[in-house]
Protein backbone atom coordinates (compact mmCIF):
# COMPACT_ATOMS: atom_id res chain seq x y z
CA MET A 1 -13.05 0.19 -0.11
CA ASN A 2 -11.55 2.80 -2.40
CA ILE A 3 -8.16 2.84 -4.10
CA HIS A 4 -6.93 6.27 -5.20
CA VAL A 5 -3.87 6.48 -7.46
CA THR A 6 -2.24 9.88 -8.01
CA GLY A 7 0.99 10.98 -9.60
CA ARG A 8 3.50 13.68 -8.76
CA GLN A 9 5.51 14.73 -11.79
CA VAL A 10 4.48 11.52 -13.53
CA GLU A 11 1.49 10.71 -15.70
CA ILE A 12 -0.62 7.83 -14.43
CA THR A 13 -1.37 5.71 -17.48
CA SER A 14 -4.11 3.12 -17.64
CA PRO A 15 -1.69 0.13 -17.52
CA LEU A 16 0.10 1.63 -14.52
CA ARG A 17 -3.20 2.22 -12.69
CA ASP A 18 -4.36 -1.32 -13.51
CA TYR A 19 -1.07 -2.73 -12.22
CA VAL A 20 -1.41 -0.90 -8.89
CA VAL A 21 -5.04 -1.97 -8.48
CA SER A 22 -4.27 -5.61 -9.31
CA LYS A 23 -1.39 -5.71 -6.82
CA LEU A 24 -3.46 -4.08 -4.07
CA SER A 25 -6.41 -6.40 -4.68
CA ARG A 26 -4.32 -9.19 -3.14
CA ILE A 27 -3.97 -7.08 0.01
CA THR A 28 -7.66 -6.19 0.17
CA GLN A 29 -8.67 -9.85 -0.10
CA ARG A 30 -6.54 -10.81 2.92
CA PHE A 31 -7.45 -7.88 5.18
CA ASP A 32 -11.11 -6.95 5.40
CA GLN A 33 -10.78 -3.91 7.70
CA ILE A 34 -9.17 -1.62 5.09
CA VAL A 35 -11.28 1.49 4.57
CA ASP A 36 -9.27 3.42 1.97
CA ILE A 37 -5.92 3.23 0.16
CA THR A 38 -4.20 6.27 -1.38
CA VAL A 39 -1.20 5.52 -3.60
CA THR A 40 1.08 8.33 -4.78
CA LEU A 41 3.64 7.65 -7.50
CA SER A 42 6.41 10.17 -8.09
CA VAL A 43 9.68 10.64 -9.94
CA GLU A 44 12.64 12.42 -8.36
CA LYS A 45 15.67 12.49 -10.65
CA LEU A 46 16.44 8.79 -11.21
CA GLU A 47 14.35 7.50 -8.30
CA GLN A 48 10.89 6.10 -8.98
CA LYS A 49 9.00 6.38 -5.69
CA ALA A 50 5.74 4.81 -4.56
CA GLU A 51 3.94 5.81 -1.35
CA ALA A 52 0.77 4.40 0.16
CA LEU A 53 -1.47 5.60 2.96
CA VAL A 54 -3.81 2.89 4.18
CA ARG A 55 -6.73 3.87 6.37
CA VAL A 56 -7.76 1.19 8.83
CA PRO A 57 -9.68 1.50 12.09
CA GLY A 58 -7.27 2.83 14.68
CA ASN A 59 -4.00 4.14 13.25
CA ASP A 60 -3.31 4.74 9.58
CA ILE A 61 -0.42 2.89 7.95
CA PHE A 62 2.10 4.72 5.74
CA VAL A 63 4.51 2.82 3.51
CA GLU A 64 7.01 4.03 0.92
CA ALA A 65 9.36 2.30 -1.48
CA ASP A 66 11.70 3.49 -4.20
CA SER A 67 13.66 1.93 -7.02
CA THR A 68 14.96 2.76 -10.47
CA ASP A 69 11.86 1.12 -12.01
CA MET A 70 8.29 2.17 -11.16
CA TYR A 71 6.93 -1.37 -11.35
CA ALA A 72 9.65 -2.61 -8.97
CA SER A 73 8.78 0.23 -6.60
CA ILE A 74 5.13 -0.83 -6.64
CA ASP A 75 6.11 -4.45 -5.96
CA ASN A 76 8.30 -3.41 -3.02
CA LEU A 77 5.52 -1.18 -1.72
CA VAL A 78 2.98 -4.00 -1.76
CA ASP A 79 5.42 -6.37 -0.03
CA LYS A 80 6.12 -3.84 2.74
CA LEU A 81 2.43 -3.10 3.12
CA ASP A 82 1.63 -6.80 3.39
CA ARG A 83 4.25 -7.27 6.13
CA GLN A 84 2.95 -4.30 8.12
CA LEU A 85 -0.66 -5.44 7.87
CA VAL A 86 0.26 -8.99 8.96
CA ARG A 87 2.17 -7.55 11.92
CA ARG A 88 -0.80 -5.36 12.83
CA LYS A 89 -3.24 -8.26 12.53
CA GLU A 90 -1.07 -10.51 14.72
CA LYS A 91 -0.72 -7.75 17.30
CA ASN A 92 -4.48 -7.22 17.45
CA GLU A 93 -5.13 -10.96 17.77
CA SER A 94 -2.59 -11.33 20.58
CA GLN A 95 -4.15 -8.41 22.45
CA ARG A 96 -7.57 -10.05 22.21
CA THR A 97 -6.33 -13.36 23.59
CA ASP A 98 -4.41 -11.65 26.41
CA ALA A 99 -7.52 -9.81 27.55
CA VAL A 100 -9.54 -13.00 27.98
């Protein structure tokens, strides 16, 4: 599983990259079907924006979050991503039990 961190109009420093990877490691431990995660951090005027594209078998998952602080944006992004992956996992499990 690969985690790619890129920046648009913002420099990705080592502490920022480490923060993103540490937050996403929690997600990758809970969900084993993740193939690839691409995180894009950007700054637009006063908005600090974080976007993530998660490749999983089936449909890809896209999540975005923004805030006035980049670290808060990353936290919101990880929370939203966690909720979507839990929802997807529950949906897949319910489809398996319905088919039996």
